[in-house]
Amino acid sequence: MATIMPEGEEIQRAIQWVSENLEEKREQSLQKLIEKAVFKFDLSPVDAEFLASFFRNRKSG
């Protein structure tokens, strides 16, 4: 099932930022990175949930 990407530029930047950090330091907690991204990119609660869901689905898929 395809993931629908929200249109906001900040969520796209957050996904890129989390992805880059995961590649650089694999021992980092995904949850902590998502929390940092929410504040860094000033994401709404809906965007924060999308970000968490995106990486959960990516990890399991």
PDB file of N, CA and C in Angstrom:
ATOM      1  N   MET A   1       0.835  -1.178   0.000  1.00  0.00           N
ATOM      2  CA  MET A   1       0.000   0.000   0.000  1.00  0.00           C
ATOM      3  C   MET A   1       0.883   1.246   0.000  1.00  0.00           C
ATOM      4  N   ALA A   2       0.614   2.165  -0.879  1.00  0.00           N
ATOM      5  CA  ALA A   2       1.409   3.381  -1.001  1.00  0.00           C
ATOM      6  C   ALA A   2       1.079   4.357   0.111  1.00  0.00           C
ATOM      7  N   THR A   3       2.095   5.061   0.563  1.00  0.00           N
ATOM      8  CA  THR A   3       1.912   6.084   1.578  1.00  0.00           C
ATOM      9  C   THR A   3       1.676   7.409   0.886  1.00  0.00           C
ATOM     10  N   ILE A   4       0.647   8.113   1.292  1.00  0.00           N
ATOM     11  CA  ILE A   4       0.359   9.422   0.713  1.00  0.00           C
ATOM     12  C   ILE A   4       1.173  10.459   1.470  1.00  0.00           C
ATOM     13  N   MET A   5       1.968  11.215   0.731  1.00  0.00           N
ATOM     14  CA  MET A   5       2.836  12.219   1.321  1.00  0.00           C
ATOM     15  C   MET A   5       2.079  13.523   1.512  1.00  0.00           C
ATOM     16  N   PRO A   6       2.081  14.057   2.731  1.00  0.00           N
ATOM     17  CA  PRO A   6       1.467  15.370   2.930  1.00  0.00           C
ATOM     18  C   PRO A   6       2.195  16.412   2.092  1.00  0.00           C
ATOM     19  N   GLU A   7       1.497  17.472   1.765  1.00  0.00           N
ATOM     20  CA  GLU A   7       2.058  18.476   0.873  1.00  0.00           C
ATOM     21  C   GLU A   7       3.038  19.428   1.544  1.00  0.00           C
ATOM     22  N   GLY A   8       3.004  19.540   2.861  1.00  0.00           N
ATOM     23  CA  GLY A   8       3.846  20.512   3.548  1.00  0.00           C
ATOM     24  C   GLY A   8       5.325  20.276   3.354  1.00  0.00           C
ATOM     25  N   GLU A   9       6.030  21.364   3.113  1.00  0.00           N
ATOM     26  CA  GLU A   9       7.476  21.286   2.912  1.00  0.00           C
ATOM     27  C   GLU A   9       8.182  20.848   4.191  1.00  0.00           C
ATOM     28  N   GLU A  10       7.666  21.269   5.324  1.00  0.00           N
ATOM     29  CA  GLU A  10       8.317  20.931   6.594  1.00  0.00           C
ATOM     30  C   GLU A  10       8.292  19.428   6.867  1.00  0.00           C
ATOM     31  N   ILE A  11       7.207  18.750   6.565  1.00  0.00           N
ATOM     32  CA  ILE A  11       7.146  17.300   6.792  1.00  0.00           C
ATOM     33  C   ILE A  11       8.123  16.595   5.862  1.00  0.00           C
ATOM     34  N   GLN A  12       8.259  17.076   4.658  1.00  0.00           N
ATOM     35  CA  GLN A  12       9.215  16.483   3.723  1.00  0.00           C
ATOM     36  C   GLN A  12      10.645  16.689   4.215  1.00  0.00           C
ATOM     37  N   ARG A  13      10.932  17.861   4.720  1.00  0.00           N
ATOM     38  CA  ARG A  13      12.258  18.134   5.280  1.00  0.00           C
ATOM     39  C   ARG A  13      12.512  17.287   6.515  1.00  0.00           C
ATOM     40  N   ALA A  14      11.479  17.078   7.328  1.00  0.00           N
ATOM     41  CA  ALA A  14      11.613  16.259   8.534  1.00  0.00           C
ATOM     42  C   ALA A  14      11.915  14.806   8.175  1.00  0.00           C
ATOM     43  N   ILE A  15      11.232  14.280   7.171  1.00  0.00           N
ATOM     44  CA  ILE A  15      11.486  12.904   6.723  1.00  0.00           C
ATOM     45  C   ILE A  15      12.934  12.776   6.254  1.00  0.00           C
ATOM     46  N   GLN A  16      13.388  13.738   5.483  1.00  0.00           N
ATOM     47  CA  GLN A  16      14.763  13.710   4.990  1.00  0.00           C
ATOM     48  C   GLN A  16      15.751  13.788   6.153  1.00  0.00           C
ATOM     49  N   TRP A  17      15.486  14.660   7.108  1.00  0.00           N
ATOM     50  CA  TRP A  17      16.373  14.847   8.248  1.00  0.00           C
ATOM     51  C   TRP A  17      16.460  13.575   9.092  1.00  0.00           C
ATOM     52  N   VAL A  18      15.311  12.965   9.404  1.00  0.00           N
ATOM     53  CA  VAL A  18      15.306  11.730  10.191  1.00  0.00           C
ATOM     54  C   VAL A  18      16.037  10.628   9.433  1.00  0.00           C
ATOM     55  N   SER A  19      15.772  10.498   8.149  1.00  0.00           N
ATOM     56  CA  SER A  19      16.424   9.471   7.331  1.00  0.00           C
ATOM     57  C   SER A  19      17.943   9.628   7.347  1.00  0.00           C
ATOM     58  N   GLU A  20      18.406  10.853   7.172  1.00  0.00           N
ATOM     59  CA  GLU A  20      19.848  11.110   7.173  1.00  0.00           C
ATOM     60  C   GLU A  20      20.465  10.775   8.522  1.00  0.00           C
ATOM     61  N   ASN A  21      19.789  11.135   9.597  1.00  0.00           N
ATOM     62  CA  ASN A  21      20.305  10.846  10.929  1.00  0.00           C
ATOM     63  C   ASN A  21      20.322   9.354  11.221  1.00  0.00           C
ATOM     64  N   LEU A  22      19.338   8.637  10.731  1.00  0.00           N
ATOM     65  CA  LEU A  22      19.314   7.186  10.917  1.00  0.00           C
ATOM     66  C   LEU A  22      20.466   6.520  10.169  1.00  0.00           C
ATOM     67  N   GLU A  23      20.782   7.027   8.982  1.00  0.00           N
ATOM     68  CA  GLU A  23      21.884   6.463   8.199  1.00  0.00           C
ATOM     69  C   GLU A  23      23.229   6.746   8.854  1.00  0.00           C
ATOM     70  N   GLU A  24      23.387   7.945   9.401  1.00  0.00           N
ATOM     71  CA  GLU A  24      24.654   8.333  10.009  1.00  0.00           C
ATOM     72  C   GLU A  24      24.908   7.606  11.322  1.00  0.00           C
ATOM     73  N   LYS A  25      23.879   7.489  12.137  1.00  0.00           N
ATOM     74  CA  LYS A  25      24.034   6.909  13.475  1.00  0.00           C
ATOM     75  C   LYS A  25      22.913   5.918  13.712  1.00  0.00           C
ATOM     76  N   ARG A  26      23.138   4.705  13.314  1.00  0.00           N
ATOM     77  CA  ARG A  26      22.102   3.673  13.385  1.00  0.00           C
ATOM     78  C   ARG A  26      21.673   3.335  14.809  1.00  0.00           C
ATOM     79  N   GLU A  27      22.505   3.653  15.800  1.00  0.00           N
ATOM     80  CA  GLU A  27      22.157   3.326  17.182  1.00  0.00           C
ATOM     81  C   GLU A  27      21.157   4.308  17.791  1.00  0.00           C
ATOM     82  N   GLN A  28      20.876   5.397  17.090  1.00  0.00           N
ATOM     83  CA  GLN A  28      19.930   6.383  17.608  1.00  0.00           C
ATOM     84  C   GLN A  28      18.523   5.811  17.668  1.00  0.00           C
ATOM     85  N   SER A  29      17.802   6.218  18.662  1.00  0.00           N
ATOM     86  CA  SER A  29      16.411   5.809  18.816  1.00  0.00           C
ATOM     87  C   SER A  29      15.542   6.544  17.796  1.00  0.00           C
ATOM     88  N   LEU A  30      14.773   5.784  17.040  1.00  0.00           N
ATOM     89  CA  LEU A  30      13.868   6.385  16.058  1.00  0.00           C
ATOM     90  C   LEU A  30      12.888   7.319  16.744  1.00  0.00           C
ATOM     91  N   GLN A  31      12.358   6.895  17.875  1.00  0.00           N
ATOM     92  CA  GLN A  31      11.386   7.723  18.600  1.00  0.00           C
ATOM     93  C   GLN A  31      11.994   9.068  19.000  1.00  0.00           C
ATOM     94  N   LYS A  32      13.235   9.049  19.469  1.00  0.00           N
ATOM     95  CA  LYS A  32      13.893  10.302  19.869  1.00  0.00           C
ATOM     96  C   LYS A  32      14.124  11.204  18.655  1.00  0.00           C
ATOM     97  N   LEU A  33      14.511  10.613  17.546  1.00  0.00           N
ATOM     98  CA  LEU A  33      14.706  11.411  16.337  1.00  0.00           C
ATOM     99  C   LEU A  33      13.396  12.040  15.870  1.00  0.00           C
ATOM    100  N   ILE A  34      12.322  11.293  15.946  1.00  0.00           N
ATOM    101  CA  ILE A  34      11.016  11.822  15.556  1.00  0.00           C
ATOM    102  C   ILE A  34      10.617  12.971  16.475  1.00  0.00           C
ATOM    103  N   GLU A  35      10.841  12.804  17.776  1.00  0.00           N
ATOM    104  CA  GLU A  35      10.526  13.873  18.727  1.00  0.00           C
ATOM    105  C   GLU A  35      11.330  15.135  18.408  1.00  0.00           C
ATOM    106  N   LYS A  36      12.616  14.961  18.106  1.00  0.00           N
ATOM    107  CA  LYS A  36      13.453  16.115  17.756  1.00  0.00           C
ATOM    108  C   LYS A  36      12.958  16.779  16.474  1.00  0.00           C
ATOM    109  N   ALA A  37      12.583  15.964  15.497  1.00  0.00           N
ATOM    110  CA  ALA A  37      12.108  16.496  14.218  1.00  0.00           C
ATOM    111  C   ALA A  37      10.817  17.294  14.385  1.00  0.00           C
ATOM    112  N   VAL A  38       9.941  16.829  15.259  1.00  0.00           N
ATOM    113  CA  VAL A  38       8.672  17.530  15.498  1.00  0.00           C
ATOM    114  C   VAL A  38       8.947  18.961  15.961  1.00  0.00           C
ATOM    115  N   PHE A  39       9.908  19.118  16.865  1.00  0.00           N
ATOM    116  CA  PHE A  39      10.224  20.457  17.361  1.00  0.00           C
ATOM    117  C   PHE A  39      11.071  21.250  16.367  1.00  0.00           C
ATOM    118  N   LYS A  40      12.025  20.585  15.752  1.00  0.00           N
ATOM    119  CA  LYS A  40      12.923  21.263  14.806  1.00  0.00           C
ATOM    120  C   LYS A  40      12.159  21.855  13.626  1.00  0.00           C
ATOM    121  N   PHE A  41      11.170  21.120  13.131  1.00  0.00           N
ATOM    122  CA  PHE A  41      10.432  21.555  11.947  1.00  0.00           C
ATOM    123  C   PHE A  41       9.031  22.080  12.288  1.00  0.00           C
ATOM    124  N   ASP A  42       8.759  22.239  13.585  1.00  0.00           N
ATOM    125  CA  ASP A  42       7.489  22.796  14.059  1.00  0.00           C
ATOM    126  C   ASP A  42       6.289  22.095  13.411  1.00  0.00           C
ATOM    127  N   LEU A  43       6.258  20.759  13.555  1.00  0.00           N
ATOM    128  CA  LEU A  43       5.208  19.969  12.923  1.00  0.00           C
ATOM    129  C   LEU A  43       3.932  19.971  13.750  1.00  0.00           C
ATOM    130  N   SER A  44       2.813  19.897  13.063  1.00  0.00           N
ATOM    131  CA  SER A  44       1.516  19.797  13.727  1.00  0.00           C
ATOM    132  C   SER A  44       1.372  18.382  14.285  1.00  0.00           C
ATOM    133  N   PRO A  45       0.420  18.159  15.182  1.00  0.00           N
ATOM    134  CA  PRO A  45       0.185  16.801  15.686  1.00  0.00           C
ATOM    135  C   PRO A  45      -0.128  15.800  14.573  1.00  0.00           C
ATOM    136  N   VAL A  46      -0.859  16.232  13.554  1.00  0.00           N
ATOM    137  CA  VAL A  46      -1.178  15.348  12.423  1.00  0.00           C
ATOM    138  C   VAL A  46       0.103  14.993  11.669  1.00  0.00           C
ATOM    139  N   ASP A  47       0.956  15.980  11.434  1.00  0.00           N
ATOM    140  CA  ASP A  47       2.221  15.725  10.754  1.00  0.00           C
ATOM    141  C   ASP A  47       3.131  14.833  11.595  1.00  0.00           C
ATOM    142  N   ALA A  48       3.133  15.042  12.910  1.00  0.00           N
ATOM    143  CA  ALA A  48       3.946  14.217  13.799  1.00  0.00           C
ATOM    144  C   ALA A  48       3.502  12.760  13.739  1.00  0.00           C
ATOM    145  N   GLU A  49       2.202  12.530  13.720  1.00  0.00           N
ATOM    146  CA  GLU A  49       1.684  11.167  13.616  1.00  0.00           C
ATOM    147  C   GLU A  49       2.030  10.561  12.259  1.00  0.00           C
ATOM    148  N   PHE A  50       1.947  11.358  11.220  1.00  0.00           N
ATOM    149  CA  PHE A  50       2.322  10.867   9.897  1.00  0.00           C
ATOM    150  C   PHE A  50       3.796  10.467   9.877  1.00  0.00           C
ATOM    151  N   LEU A  51       4.645  11.294  10.448  1.00  0.00           N
ATOM    152  CA  LEU A  51       6.078  11.017  10.475  1.00  0.00           C
ATOM    153  C   LEU A  51       6.361   9.699  11.197  1.00  0.00           C
ATOM    154  N   ALA A  52       5.753   9.510  12.355  1.00  0.00           N
ATOM    155  CA  ALA A  52       5.941   8.264  13.106  1.00  0.00           C
ATOM    156  C   ALA A  52       5.430   7.074  12.307  1.00  0.00           C
ATOM    157  N   SER A  53       4.267   7.208  11.719  1.00  0.00           N
ATOM    158  CA  SER A  53       3.672   6.136  10.927  1.00  0.00           C
ATOM    159  C   SER A  53       4.534   5.815   9.703  1.00  0.00           C
ATOM    160  N   PHE A  54       5.045   6.834   9.062  1.00  0.00           N
ATOM    161  CA  PHE A  54       5.888   6.658   7.876  1.00  0.00           C
ATOM    162  C   PHE A  54       7.083   5.768   8.201  1.00  0.00           C
ATOM    163  N   PHE A  55       7.762   6.060   9.307  1.00  0.00           N
ATOM    164  CA  PHE A  55       8.959   5.288   9.651  1.00  0.00           C
ATOM    165  C   PHE A  55       8.616   3.916  10.221  1.00  0.00           C
ATOM    166  N   ARG A  56       7.498   3.785  10.910  1.00  0.00           N
ATOM    167  CA  ARG A  56       7.065   2.461  11.379  1.00  0.00           C
ATOM    168  C   ARG A  56       6.771   1.548  10.196  1.00  0.00           C
ATOM    169  N   ASN A  57       6.049   2.078   9.220  1.00  0.00           N
ATOM    170  CA  ASN A  57       5.715   1.297   8.019  1.00  0.00           C
ATOM    171  C   ASN A  57       6.958   0.967   7.207  1.00  0.00           C
ATOM    172  N   ARG A  58       7.873   1.893   7.139  1.00  0.00           N
ATOM    173  CA  ARG A  58       9.113   1.678   6.384  1.00  0.00           C
ATOM    174  C   ARG A  58       9.967   0.606   7.051  1.00  0.00           C
ATOM    175  N   LYS A  59       9.981   0.619   8.384  1.00  0.00           N
ATOM    176  CA  LYS A  59      10.770  -0.352   9.143  1.00  0.00           C
ATOM    177  C   LYS A  59      10.194  -1.761   8.985  1.00  0.00           C
ATOM    178  N   SER A  60       8.866  -1.878   9.012  1.00  0.00           N
ATOM    179  CA  SER A  60       8.231  -3.194   8.927  1.00  0.00           C
ATOM    180  C   SER A  60       8.118  -3.683   7.486  1.00  0.00           C
ATOM    181  N   GLY A  61       8.229  -2.766   6.529  1.00  0.00           N
ATOM    182  CA  GLY A  61       8.074  -3.123   5.122  1.00  0.00           C
ATOM    183  C   GLY A  61       9.364  -3.345   4.514  1.00  0.00           C
TER     184      GLY A  61
END
